[in-house]
Amino acid sequence: MDKVKIENAALNIYTEHIKRGTPAKSLAKIIKAESLWFSEIKSDSNSFLGALVKVPDYPPHIIVRNNITPSGRKNFTIAHELGHYILGHNLYNTSIFCNNINEEDETISKQENEANYFARCFLLPHDRIIKEFTNWFRYRVSQTSNVFLKIETQGSKWQLWKAVSGNLTKKFAVSEITLKIRLIELKLINNF
């Protein structure tokens, strides 16, 4: 599935279910509205993060490890599993178990990459994140490259990035890496 279709699927879920607030705070409501079950389970395995499970005669079930930290990382995992469901991914032996869901790197599986992209698009909707991000810089930055803001790992722009990313990760309840990747995808920042 191409990225435009994935982003449209995320936007459709967003507009159908979220009238106010952020997507992360609406995950439980959306899961229920989509007739899915949700459980957090205790697991000693750090490699298990989440799964989408289908059992005959029962609704699909999203399961995540209960001790995923930080909470932005857990929200990404839940949105990733929701993405598998919304995108209609084929299940292997009635389930998709997602081990080591990596927010940063591409995975070897096309379905995992698509679920990751869905999660970023859903948690950080295109128009909302562009508006929130650029409002911080309206009078502070002039666009001088192919990205809105070129971040450097030292100096005032790094301090500005840390302030802005801290605010936006809290507001959208996502991890800094999820925010960074989404902003890079939207050409709002460079890859630093």
N, C-alpha and C. Protein backbone atom coordinates (compact mmCIF):
# COMPACT_ATOMS: atom_id res chain seq x y z
N MET A 1 0.85 -1.17 0.00
CA MET A 1 0.00 0.00 0.00
C MET A 1 0.90 1.24 0.00
N ASP A 2 0.55 2.25 -0.79
CA ASP A 2 1.40 3.42 -0.85
C ASP A 2 1.12 4.36 0.33
N LYS A 3 2.06 5.28 0.55
CA LYS A 3 1.99 6.16 1.71
C LYS A 3 0.77 7.08 1.70
N VAL A 4 0.33 7.50 0.53
CA VAL A 4 -0.86 8.36 0.45
C VAL A 4 -2.08 7.61 0.97
N LYS A 5 -2.25 6.36 0.57
CA LYS A 5 -3.38 5.57 1.05
C LYS A 5 -3.30 5.33 2.55
N ILE A 6 -2.10 5.09 3.06
CA ILE A 6 -1.93 4.87 4.50
C ILE A 6 -2.27 6.14 5.26
N GLU A 7 -1.75 7.27 4.78
CA GLU A 7 -2.04 8.54 5.47
C GLU A 7 -3.54 8.85 5.41
N ASN A 8 -4.18 8.57 4.29
CA ASN A 8 -5.63 8.79 4.19
C ASN A 8 -6.40 7.88 5.15
N ALA A 9 -5.96 6.64 5.30
CA ALA A 9 -6.60 5.73 6.25
C ALA A 9 -6.48 6.26 7.67
N ALA A 10 -5.30 6.76 8.03
CA ALA A 10 -5.09 7.34 9.36
C ALA A 10 -5.96 8.58 9.55
N LEU A 11 -6.01 9.43 8.53
CA LEU A 11 -6.83 10.64 8.60
C LEU A 11 -8.31 10.31 8.72
N ASN A 12 -8.77 9.29 8.01
CA ASN A 12 -10.18 8.89 8.10
C ASN A 12 -10.54 8.45 9.51
N ILE A 13 -9.68 7.66 10.14
CA ILE A 13 -9.93 7.23 11.52
C ILE A 13 -9.92 8.44 12.44
N TYR A 14 -8.96 9.32 12.24
CA TYR A 14 -8.86 10.54 13.04
C TYR A 14 -10.13 11.39 12.94
N THR A 15 -10.56 11.68 11.72
CA THR A 15 -11.72 12.57 11.55
C THR A 15 -13.03 11.90 11.98
N GLU A 16 -13.10 10.59 11.85
CA GLU A 16 -14.31 9.88 12.26
C GLU A 16 -14.48 9.85 13.77
N HIS A 17 -13.38 9.75 14.50
CA HIS A 17 -13.47 9.49 15.94
C HIS A 17 -13.01 10.61 16.86
N ILE A 18 -12.29 11.60 16.34
CA ILE A 18 -11.71 12.60 17.23
C ILE A 18 -12.28 13.97 16.92
N LYS A 19 -13.00 14.48 17.86
CA LYS A 19 -13.56 15.83 17.71
C LYS A 19 -12.68 16.86 18.41
N ARG A 20 -12.05 16.46 19.50
CA ARG A 20 -11.13 17.33 20.22
C ARG A 20 -10.12 16.48 20.97
N GLY A 21 -9.03 17.10 21.35
CA GLY A 21 -7.98 16.35 22.01
C GLY A 21 -7.01 15.76 21.00
N THR A 22 -6.12 14.97 21.51
CA THR A 22 -5.10 14.38 20.64
C THR A 22 -5.43 12.93 20.35
N PRO A 23 -4.91 12.41 19.24
CA PRO A 23 -5.18 11.02 18.89
C PRO A 23 -4.77 10.03 19.97
N ALA A 24 -3.62 10.23 20.60
CA ALA A 24 -3.15 9.28 21.62
C ALA A 24 -4.15 9.16 22.76
N LYS A 25 -4.75 10.26 23.13
CA LYS A 25 -5.71 10.24 24.24
C LYS A 25 -7.03 9.61 23.84
N SER A 26 -7.25 9.41 22.56
CA SER A 26 -8.50 8.82 22.06
C SER A 26 -8.35 7.36 21.64
N LEU A 27 -7.18 6.77 21.83
CA LEU A 27 -6.96 5.41 21.37
C LEU A 27 -7.95 4.41 21.94
N ALA A 28 -8.21 4.47 23.24
CA ALA A 28 -9.14 3.51 23.87
C ALA A 28 -10.54 3.66 23.28
N LYS A 29 -10.98 4.89 23.10
CA LYS A 29 -12.31 5.15 22.53
C LYS A 29 -12.40 4.62 21.09
N ILE A 30 -11.36 4.82 20.32
CA ILE A 30 -11.35 4.37 18.93
C ILE A 30 -11.36 2.85 18.85
N ILE A 31 -10.55 2.22 19.68
CA ILE A 31 -10.51 0.75 19.69
C ILE A 31 -11.89 0.19 20.00
N LYS A 32 -12.56 0.77 20.97
CA LYS A 32 -13.91 0.32 21.32
C LYS A 32 -14.89 0.59 20.18
N ALA A 33 -14.82 1.78 19.59
CA ALA A 33 -15.73 2.13 18.49
C ALA A 33 -15.52 1.25 17.26
N GLU A 34 -14.31 0.77 17.07
CA GLU A 34 -14.01 -0.13 15.94
C GLU A 34 -14.33 -1.59 16.28
N SER A 35 -14.96 -1.81 17.42
CA SER A 35 -15.35 -3.16 17.89
C SER A 35 -14.16 -4.09 18.09
N LEU A 36 -13.06 -3.53 18.55
CA LEU A 36 -11.88 -4.32 18.90
C LEU A 36 -11.83 -4.51 20.41
N TRP A 37 -11.14 -5.51 20.84
CA TRP A 37 -10.84 -5.67 22.25
C TRP A 37 -9.42 -5.20 22.49
N PHE A 38 -9.14 -4.79 23.71
CA PHE A 38 -7.81 -4.30 24.06
C PHE A 38 -7.40 -4.86 25.41
N SER A 39 -6.17 -5.32 25.51
CA SER A 39 -5.63 -5.81 26.78
C SER A 39 -4.16 -5.41 26.90
N GLU A 40 -3.78 -5.14 28.13
CA GLU A 40 -2.36 -4.99 28.45
C GLU A 40 -2.00 -6.22 29.27
N ILE A 41 -0.89 -6.85 28.91
CA ILE A 41 -0.49 -8.05 29.63
C ILE A 41 0.91 -7.90 30.20
N LYS A 42 1.15 -8.63 31.27
CA LYS A 42 2.48 -8.66 31.86
C LYS A 42 3.31 -9.64 31.05
N SER A 43 4.51 -9.24 30.72
CA SER A 43 5.42 -10.11 29.97
C SER A 43 6.84 -9.85 30.45
N ASP A 44 7.55 -10.91 30.70
CA ASP A 44 8.95 -10.79 31.08
C ASP A 44 9.85 -10.60 29.88
N SER A 45 9.32 -10.82 28.70
CA SER A 45 10.09 -10.69 27.47
C SER A 45 10.11 -9.24 27.02
N ASN A 46 11.29 -8.66 26.95
CA ASN A 46 11.40 -7.29 26.45
C ASN A 46 11.20 -7.21 24.95
N SER A 47 11.28 -8.37 24.26
CA SER A 47 11.12 -8.33 22.81
C SER A 47 9.64 -8.26 22.41
N PHE A 48 8.72 -8.72 23.26
CA PHE A 48 7.30 -8.63 22.93
C PHE A 48 6.79 -7.24 23.26
N LEU A 49 6.21 -6.58 22.27
CA LEU A 49 5.62 -5.27 22.49
C LEU A 49 4.12 -5.29 22.28
N GLY A 50 3.67 -5.93 21.21
CA GLY A 50 2.25 -5.92 20.92
C GLY A 50 1.87 -6.95 19.89
N ALA A 51 0.56 -7.13 19.78
CA ALA A 51 0.04 -8.08 18.80
C ALA A 51 -1.39 -7.70 18.44
N LEU A 52 -1.75 -8.08 17.24
CA LEU A 52 -3.14 -8.05 16.79
C LEU A 52 -3.53 -9.50 16.62
N VAL A 53 -4.56 -9.93 17.33
CA VAL A 53 -4.96 -11.34 17.33
C VAL A 53 -6.40 -11.46 16.88
N LYS A 54 -6.63 -12.42 15.99
CA LYS A 54 -8.00 -12.74 15.57
C LYS A 54 -8.25 -14.19 15.91
N VAL A 55 -9.33 -14.43 16.63
CA VAL A 55 -9.75 -15.78 16.99
C VAL A 55 -11.17 -15.94 16.45
N PRO A 56 -11.47 -17.07 15.80
CA PRO A 56 -12.83 -17.25 15.28
C PRO A 56 -13.90 -16.99 16.34
N ASP A 57 -14.96 -16.33 15.94
CA ASP A 57 -16.12 -16.01 16.78
C ASP A 57 -15.88 -14.92 17.83
N TYR A 58 -14.75 -14.24 17.76
CA TYR A 58 -14.46 -13.15 18.68
C TYR A 58 -13.96 -11.94 17.89
N PRO A 59 -14.17 -10.74 18.43
CA PRO A 59 -13.61 -9.56 17.75
C PRO A 59 -12.09 -9.60 17.75
N PRO A 60 -11.45 -8.93 16.80
CA PRO A 60 -9.99 -8.82 16.84
C PRO A 60 -9.56 -8.18 18.17
N HIS A 61 -8.37 -8.54 18.60
CA HIS A 61 -7.89 -8.15 19.92
C HIS A 61 -6.50 -7.53 19.79
N ILE A 62 -6.33 -6.32 20.30
CA ILE A 62 -5.02 -5.69 20.38
C ILE A 62 -4.47 -5.96 21.77
N ILE A 63 -3.27 -6.51 21.81
CA ILE A 63 -2.61 -6.82 23.08
C ILE A 63 -1.27 -6.10 23.09
N VAL A 64 -0.95 -5.42 24.20
CA VAL A 64 0.36 -4.79 24.35
C VAL A 64 0.94 -5.14 25.71
N ARG A 65 2.25 -5.11 25.78
CA ARG A 65 2.93 -5.33 27.06
C ARG A 65 2.62 -4.16 27.98
N ASN A 66 2.30 -4.42 29.23
CA ASN A 66 1.84 -3.37 30.14
C ASN A 66 2.94 -2.42 30.62
N ASN A 67 4.19 -2.84 30.54
CA ASN A 67 5.25 -2.00 31.11
C ASN A 67 6.11 -1.32 30.06
N ILE A 68 5.54 -1.03 28.91
CA ILE A 68 6.28 -0.29 27.88
C ILE A 68 6.42 1.16 28.36
N THR A 69 7.64 1.64 28.37
CA THR A 69 7.88 3.02 28.76
C THR A 69 8.77 3.68 27.71
N PRO A 70 8.67 4.97 27.57
CA PRO A 70 7.70 5.89 28.16
C PRO A 70 6.31 5.72 27.54
N SER A 71 5.36 6.48 28.05
CA SER A 71 3.98 6.33 27.58
C SER A 71 3.85 6.66 26.09
N GLY A 72 4.65 7.56 25.57
CA GLY A 72 4.63 7.86 24.14
C GLY A 72 5.00 6.64 23.31
N ARG A 73 5.90 5.83 23.83
CA ARG A 73 6.30 4.59 23.15
C ARG A 73 5.15 3.59 23.16
N LYS A 74 4.43 3.53 24.28
CA LYS A 74 3.27 2.63 24.38
C LYS A 74 2.18 3.08 23.41
N ASN A 75 1.94 4.39 23.33
CA ASN A 75 0.94 4.91 22.39
C ASN A 75 1.29 4.55 20.95
N PHE A 76 2.58 4.63 20.62
CA PHE A 76 3.01 4.25 19.28
C PHE A 76 2.71 2.78 19.01
N THR A 77 2.99 1.92 19.98
CA THR A 77 2.75 0.49 19.83
C THR A 77 1.26 0.20 19.62
N ILE A 78 0.41 0.84 20.40
CA ILE A 78 -1.04 0.65 20.26
C ILE A 78 -1.50 1.14 18.89
N ALA A 79 -1.04 2.32 18.48
CA ALA A 79 -1.42 2.86 17.16
C ALA A 79 -0.88 1.98 16.04
N HIS A 80 0.29 1.40 16.23
CA HIS A 80 0.88 0.47 15.25
C HIS A 80 -0.03 -0.74 15.07
N GLU A 81 -0.49 -1.32 16.18
CA GLU A 81 -1.38 -2.49 16.10
C GLU A 81 -2.73 -2.11 15.50
N LEU A 82 -3.25 -0.94 15.86
CA LEU A 82 -4.47 -0.44 15.24
C LEU A 82 -4.26 -0.30 13.73
N GLY A 83 -3.08 0.14 13.33
CA GLY A 83 -2.75 0.26 11.91
C GLY A 83 -2.84 -1.07 11.18
N HIS A 84 -2.33 -2.12 11.80
CA HIS A 84 -2.46 -3.45 11.17
C HIS A 84 -3.93 -3.75 10.88
N TYR A 85 -4.79 -3.46 11.85
CA TYR A 85 -6.22 -3.75 11.69
C TYR A 85 -6.84 -2.87 10.60
N ILE A 86 -6.65 -1.57 10.69
CA ILE A 86 -7.26 -0.62 9.75
C ILE A 86 -6.77 -0.86 8.33
N LEU A 87 -5.51 -1.22 8.19
CA LEU A 87 -4.94 -1.43 6.86
C LEU A 87 -5.26 -2.82 6.31
N GLY A 88 -5.95 -3.63 7.09
CA GLY A 88 -6.38 -4.94 6.62
C GLY A 88 -5.24 -5.92 6.38
N HIS A 89 -4.19 -5.80 7.19
CA HIS A 89 -3.06 -6.70 7.00
C HIS A 89 -3.46 -8.15 7.27
N ASN A 90 -2.92 -9.02 6.46
CA ASN A 90 -3.16 -10.45 6.64
C ASN A 90 -2.49 -10.91 7.92
N LEU A 91 -3.20 -11.74 8.64
CA LEU A 91 -2.66 -12.28 9.88
C LEU A 91 -2.02 -13.63 9.61
N TYR A 92 -0.94 -13.89 10.30
CA TYR A 92 -0.27 -15.18 10.20
C TYR A 92 -0.79 -16.05 11.34
N ASN A 93 -1.38 -17.19 11.01
CA ASN A 93 -1.88 -18.08 12.05
C ASN A 93 -2.77 -17.33 13.05
N THR A 94 -3.65 -16.52 12.57
CA THR A 94 -4.62 -15.73 13.32
C THR A 94 -4.04 -14.56 14.10
N SER A 95 -2.78 -14.25 13.94
CA SER A 95 -2.25 -13.12 14.69
C SER A 95 -1.04 -12.50 14.01
N ILE A 96 -0.80 -11.26 14.36
CA ILE A 96 0.45 -10.58 14.00
C ILE A 96 1.10 -10.23 15.33
N PHE A 97 2.21 -10.86 15.64
CA PHE A 97 2.96 -10.51 16.84
C PHE A 97 4.09 -9.59 16.42
N CYS A 98 4.15 -8.47 17.06
CA CYS A 98 5.15 -7.48 16.69
C CYS A 98 6.22 -7.43 17.76
N ASN A 99 7.38 -7.90 17.41
CA ASN A 99 8.52 -7.87 18.32
C ASN A 99 9.43 -6.73 17.91
N ASN A 100 9.95 -6.06 18.91
CA ASN A 100 10.91 -4.99 18.66
C ASN A 100 10.41 -3.99 17.62
N ILE A 101 9.20 -3.49 17.79
CA ILE A 101 8.69 -2.44 16.90
C ILE A 101 9.64 -1.26 17.04
N ASN A 102 10.27 -0.91 15.95
CA ASN A 102 11.28 0.12 15.99
C ASN A 102 10.73 1.39 15.38
N GLU A 103 10.59 2.41 16.19
CA GLU A 103 10.07 3.69 15.71
C GLU A 103 11.01 4.34 14.71
N GLU A 104 12.28 4.05 14.82
CA GLU A 104 13.27 4.80 14.06
C GLU A 104 13.64 4.16 12.73
N ASP A 105 13.93 2.88 12.72
CA ASP A 105 14.44 2.24 11.52
C ASP A 105 13.33 1.55 10.75
N GLU A 106 13.55 1.41 9.47
CA GLU A 106 12.66 0.60 8.64
C GLU A 106 12.85 -0.86 9.04
N THR A 107 11.77 -1.61 9.03
CA THR A 107 11.86 -3.03 9.34
C THR A 107 11.95 -3.81 8.03
N ILE A 108 12.15 -5.10 8.15
CA ILE A 108 12.26 -5.90 6.93
C ILE A 108 10.90 -6.26 6.35
N SER A 109 9.85 -6.09 7.11
CA SER A 109 8.51 -6.46 6.67
C SER A 109 7.76 -5.25 6.13
N LYS A 110 7.18 -5.40 4.97
CA LYS A 110 6.38 -4.32 4.38
C LYS A 110 5.20 -3.96 5.29
N GLN A 111 4.54 -4.98 5.86
CA GLN A 111 3.40 -4.72 6.74
C GLN A 111 3.83 -3.95 8.00
N GLU A 112 4.98 -4.27 8.55
CA GLU A 112 5.46 -3.56 9.74
C GLU A 112 5.79 -2.11 9.41
N ASN A 113 6.42 -1.88 8.24
CA ASN A 113 6.70 -0.50 7.82
C ASN A 113 5.40 0.28 7.63
N GLU A 114 4.40 -0.35 7.03
CA GLU A 114 3.11 0.32 6.82
C GLU A 114 2.44 0.63 8.15
N ALA A 115 2.48 -0.30 9.10
CA ALA A 115 1.87 -0.05 10.42
C ALA A 115 2.61 1.05 11.16
N ASN A 116 3.94 1.12 11.01
CA ASN A 116 4.71 2.21 11.62
C ASN A 116 4.30 3.56 11.03
N TYR A 117 4.18 3.60 9.71
CA TYR A 117 3.81 4.85 9.05
C TYR A 117 2.39 5.26 9.45
N PHE A 118 1.48 4.30 9.51
CA PHE A 118 0.12 4.59 9.96
C PHE A 118 0.16 5.21 11.36
N ALA A 119 0.93 4.61 12.27
CA ALA A 119 1.00 5.10 13.65
C ALA A 119 1.47 6.55 13.69
N ARG A 120 2.52 6.87 12.91
CA ARG A 120 3.01 8.26 12.89
C ARG A 120 1.97 9.21 12.31
N CYS A 121 1.33 8.81 11.22
CA CYS A 121 0.32 9.66 10.58
C CYS A 121 -0.89 9.86 11.49
N PHE A 122 -1.27 8.82 12.20
CA PHE A 122 -2.43 8.90 13.08
C PHE A 122 -2.11 9.75 14.32
N LEU A 123 -1.00 9.48 14.97
CA LEU A 123 -0.66 10.19 16.21
C LEU A 123 -0.28 11.64 15.97
N LEU A 124 0.26 11.93 14.79
CA LEU A 124 0.70 13.29 14.45
C LEU A 124 0.10 13.67 13.10
N PRO A 125 -1.22 13.95 13.07
CA PRO A 125 -1.91 14.24 11.80
C PRO A 125 -1.26 15.42 11.07
N HIS A 126 -1.13 15.24 9.78
CA HIS A 126 -0.45 16.18 8.87
C HIS A 126 -0.74 17.65 9.20
N ASP A 127 -1.98 18.08 9.06
CA ASP A 127 -2.31 19.50 9.23
C ASP A 127 -2.08 19.98 10.66
N ARG A 128 -2.43 19.15 11.64
CA ARG A 128 -2.27 19.58 13.04
C ARG A 128 -0.82 19.73 13.43
N ILE A 129 0.02 18.78 13.04
CA ILE A 129 1.43 18.87 13.46
C ILE A 129 2.15 19.98 12.71
N ILE A 130 1.81 20.20 11.45
CA ILE A 130 2.42 21.32 10.72
C ILE A 130 2.04 22.63 11.40
N LYS A 131 0.78 22.80 11.73
CA LYS A 131 0.34 24.04 12.39
C LYS A 131 1.02 24.22 13.74
N GLU A 132 1.00 23.18 14.56
CA GLU A 132 1.61 23.29 15.90
C GLU A 132 3.10 23.57 15.82
N PHE A 133 3.79 22.88 14.91
CA PHE A 133 5.24 23.06 14.80
C PHE A 133 5.59 24.44 14.26
N THR A 134 4.97 24.83 13.17
CA THR A 134 5.34 26.12 12.56
C THR A 134 4.93 27.31 13.41
N ASN A 135 3.89 27.17 14.23
CA ASN A 135 3.52 28.27 15.13
C ASN A 135 4.65 28.64 16.08
N TRP A 136 5.47 27.68 16.43
CA TRP A 136 6.61 27.97 17.31
C TRP A 136 7.63 28.88 16.64
N PHE A 137 7.68 28.87 15.32
CA PHE A 137 8.77 29.53 14.60
C PHE A 137 8.32 30.69 13.73
N ARG A 138 7.11 31.10 13.87
CA ARG A 138 6.56 32.12 12.98
C ARG A 138 7.48 33.33 12.85
N TYR A 139 8.05 33.81 13.95
CA TYR A 139 8.89 35.00 13.89
C TYR A 139 10.35 34.70 14.25
N ARG A 140 10.67 33.42 14.38
CA ARG A 140 12.00 33.07 14.87
C ARG A 140 12.92 32.52 13.79
N VAL A 141 12.38 31.97 12.72
CA VAL A 141 13.20 31.24 11.75
C VAL A 141 12.85 31.66 10.34
N SER A 142 13.86 31.84 9.53
CA SER A 142 13.60 32.03 8.10
C SER A 142 14.01 30.75 7.39
N GLN A 143 13.24 30.36 6.41
CA GLN A 143 13.51 29.12 5.70
C GLN A 143 14.68 29.35 4.76
N THR A 144 15.76 28.59 4.96
CA THR A 144 16.97 28.78 4.15
C THR A 144 17.40 27.53 3.42
N SER A 145 16.67 26.44 3.56
CA SER A 145 17.07 25.20 2.89
C SER A 145 15.81 24.48 2.41
N ASN A 146 15.97 23.22 2.05
CA ASN A 146 14.82 22.45 1.57
C ASN A 146 13.93 21.96 2.71
N VAL A 147 14.28 22.31 3.94
CA VAL A 147 13.44 22.01 5.09
C VAL A 147 13.11 23.32 5.80
N PHE A 148 12.03 23.28 6.55
CA PHE A 148 11.59 24.48 7.26
C PHE A 148 12.63 24.93 8.28
N LEU A 149 13.17 23.98 9.04
CA LEU A 149 14.12 24.31 10.09
C LEU A 149 15.27 23.32 10.06
N LYS A 150 16.48 23.82 9.92
CA LYS A 150 17.66 22.96 9.95
C LYS A 150 18.17 22.91 11.39
N ILE A 151 18.09 21.72 11.98
CA ILE A 151 18.51 21.54 13.37
C ILE A 151 19.99 21.17 13.39
N GLU A 152 20.72 21.78 14.29
CA GLU A 152 22.11 21.43 14.53
C GLU A 152 22.20 20.88 15.95
N THR A 153 23.16 19.98 16.17
CA THR A 153 23.22 19.31 17.47
C THR A 153 23.91 20.13 18.55
N GLN A 154 24.21 21.37 18.26
CA GLN A 154 24.77 22.26 19.26
C GLN A 154 24.21 23.66 19.02
N GLY A 155 24.30 24.49 20.03
CA GLY A 155 23.93 25.89 19.87
C GLY A 155 22.45 26.17 20.09
N SER A 156 22.05 27.36 19.66
CA SER A 156 20.70 27.85 19.96
C SER A 156 19.61 27.04 19.27
N LYS A 157 19.85 26.56 18.05
CA LYS A 157 18.82 25.77 17.37
C LYS A 157 18.60 24.43 18.08
N TRP A 158 19.66 23.86 18.65
CA TRP A 158 19.50 22.62 19.42
C TRP A 158 18.67 22.89 20.67
N GLN A 159 18.94 23.97 21.35
CA GLN A 159 18.16 24.32 22.55
C GLN A 159 16.70 24.59 22.17
N LEU A 160 16.50 25.25 21.06
CA LEU A 160 15.15 25.51 20.57
C LEU A 160 14.44 24.19 20.23
N TRP A 161 15.15 23.27 19.56
CA TRP A 161 14.59 21.96 19.24
C TRP A 161 14.17 21.23 20.51
N LYS A 162 15.03 21.24 21.52
CA LYS A 162 14.71 20.52 22.76
C LYS A 162 13.46 21.13 23.42
N ALA A 163 13.33 22.43 23.39
CA ALA A 163 12.14 23.07 23.97
C ALA A 163 10.88 22.73 23.18
N VAL A 164 10.98 22.84 21.86
CA VAL A 164 9.82 22.58 21.01
C VAL A 164 9.45 21.10 21.06
N SER A 165 10.43 20.23 20.92
CA SER A 165 10.13 18.79 20.93
C SER A 165 9.58 18.36 22.28
N GLY A 166 10.08 18.94 23.35
CA GLY A 166 9.54 18.63 24.68
C GLY A 166 8.08 19.01 24.78
N ASN A 167 7.74 20.17 24.27
CA ASN A 167 6.35 20.62 24.31
C ASN A 167 5.45 19.76 23.44
N LEU A 168 5.89 19.47 22.21
CA LEU A 168 5.05 18.72 21.28
C LEU A 168 4.92 17.24 21.66
N THR A 169 5.98 16.64 22.20
CA THR A 169 5.86 15.25 22.63
C THR A 169 4.86 15.14 23.79
N LYS A 170 4.87 16.12 24.66
CA LYS A 170 3.91 16.13 25.77
C LYS A 170 2.49 16.37 25.25
N LYS A 171 2.34 17.33 24.36
CA LYS A 171 1.01 17.67 23.84
C LYS A 171 0.38 16.52 23.07
N PHE A 172 1.17 15.82 22.23
CA PHE A 172 0.65 14.74 21.40
C PHE A 172 0.85 13.35 22.02
N ALA A 173 1.51 13.29 23.18
CA ALA A 173 1.75 12.03 23.91
C ALA A 173 2.47 11.01 23.02
N VAL A 174 3.57 11.47 22.41
CA VAL A 174 4.41 10.61 21.57
C VAL A 174 5.85 10.70 22.06
N SER A 175 6.68 9.79 21.59
CA SER A 175 8.10 9.85 21.91
C SER A 175 8.80 10.88 21.03
N GLU A 176 9.97 11.30 21.46
CA GLU A 176 10.72 12.27 20.66
C GLU A 176 11.11 11.69 19.31
N ILE A 177 11.44 10.40 19.26
CA ILE A 177 11.84 9.81 17.98
C ILE A 177 10.67 9.76 17.00
N THR A 178 9.46 9.46 17.49
CA THR A 178 8.29 9.47 16.61
C THR A 178 8.05 10.88 16.07
N LEU A 179 8.14 11.87 16.93
CA LEU A 179 7.99 13.27 16.50
C LEU A 179 9.05 13.63 15.47
N LYS A 180 10.30 13.29 15.75
CA LYS A 180 11.40 13.63 14.83
C LYS A 180 11.17 13.01 13.45
N ILE A 181 10.84 11.73 13.41
CA ILE A 181 10.66 11.07 12.12
C ILE A 181 9.50 11.69 11.35
N ARG A 182 8.40 11.98 12.05
CA ARG A 182 7.24 12.58 11.36
C ARG A 182 7.59 13.95 10.81
N LEU A 183 8.33 14.76 11.56
CA LEU A 183 8.72 16.08 11.09
C LEU A 183 9.68 15.99 9.91
N ILE A 184 10.55 14.99 9.91
CA ILE A 184 11.44 14.77 8.76
C ILE A 184 10.62 14.37 7.54
N GLU A 185 9.65 13.46 7.73
CA GLU A 185 8.79 13.04 6.62
C GLU A 185 8.05 14.22 5.99
N LEU A 186 7.67 15.17 6.83
CA LEU A 186 6.92 16.35 6.35
C LEU A 186 7.85 17.48 5.90
N LYS A 187 9.14 17.21 5.89
CA LYS A 187 10.16 18.19 5.49
C LYS A 187 10.12 19.46 6.34
N LEU A 188 9.81 19.28 7.61
CA LEU A 188 9.82 20.39 8.53
C LEU A 188 11.17 20.53 9.23
N ILE A 189 11.91 19.43 9.35
CA ILE A 189 13.26 19.47 9.89
C ILE A 189 14.14 18.54 9.07
N ASN A 190 15.44 18.74 9.23
CA ASN A 190 16.42 17.87 8.60
C ASN A 190 16.64 16.63 9.47
N ASN A 191 17.29 15.63 8.91
CA ASN A 191 17.67 14.44 9.68
C ASN A 191 19.00 14.74 10.36
N PHE A 192 18.97 14.86 11.66
CA PHE A 192 20.21 15.21 12.39
C PHE A 192 20.61 14.10 13.31
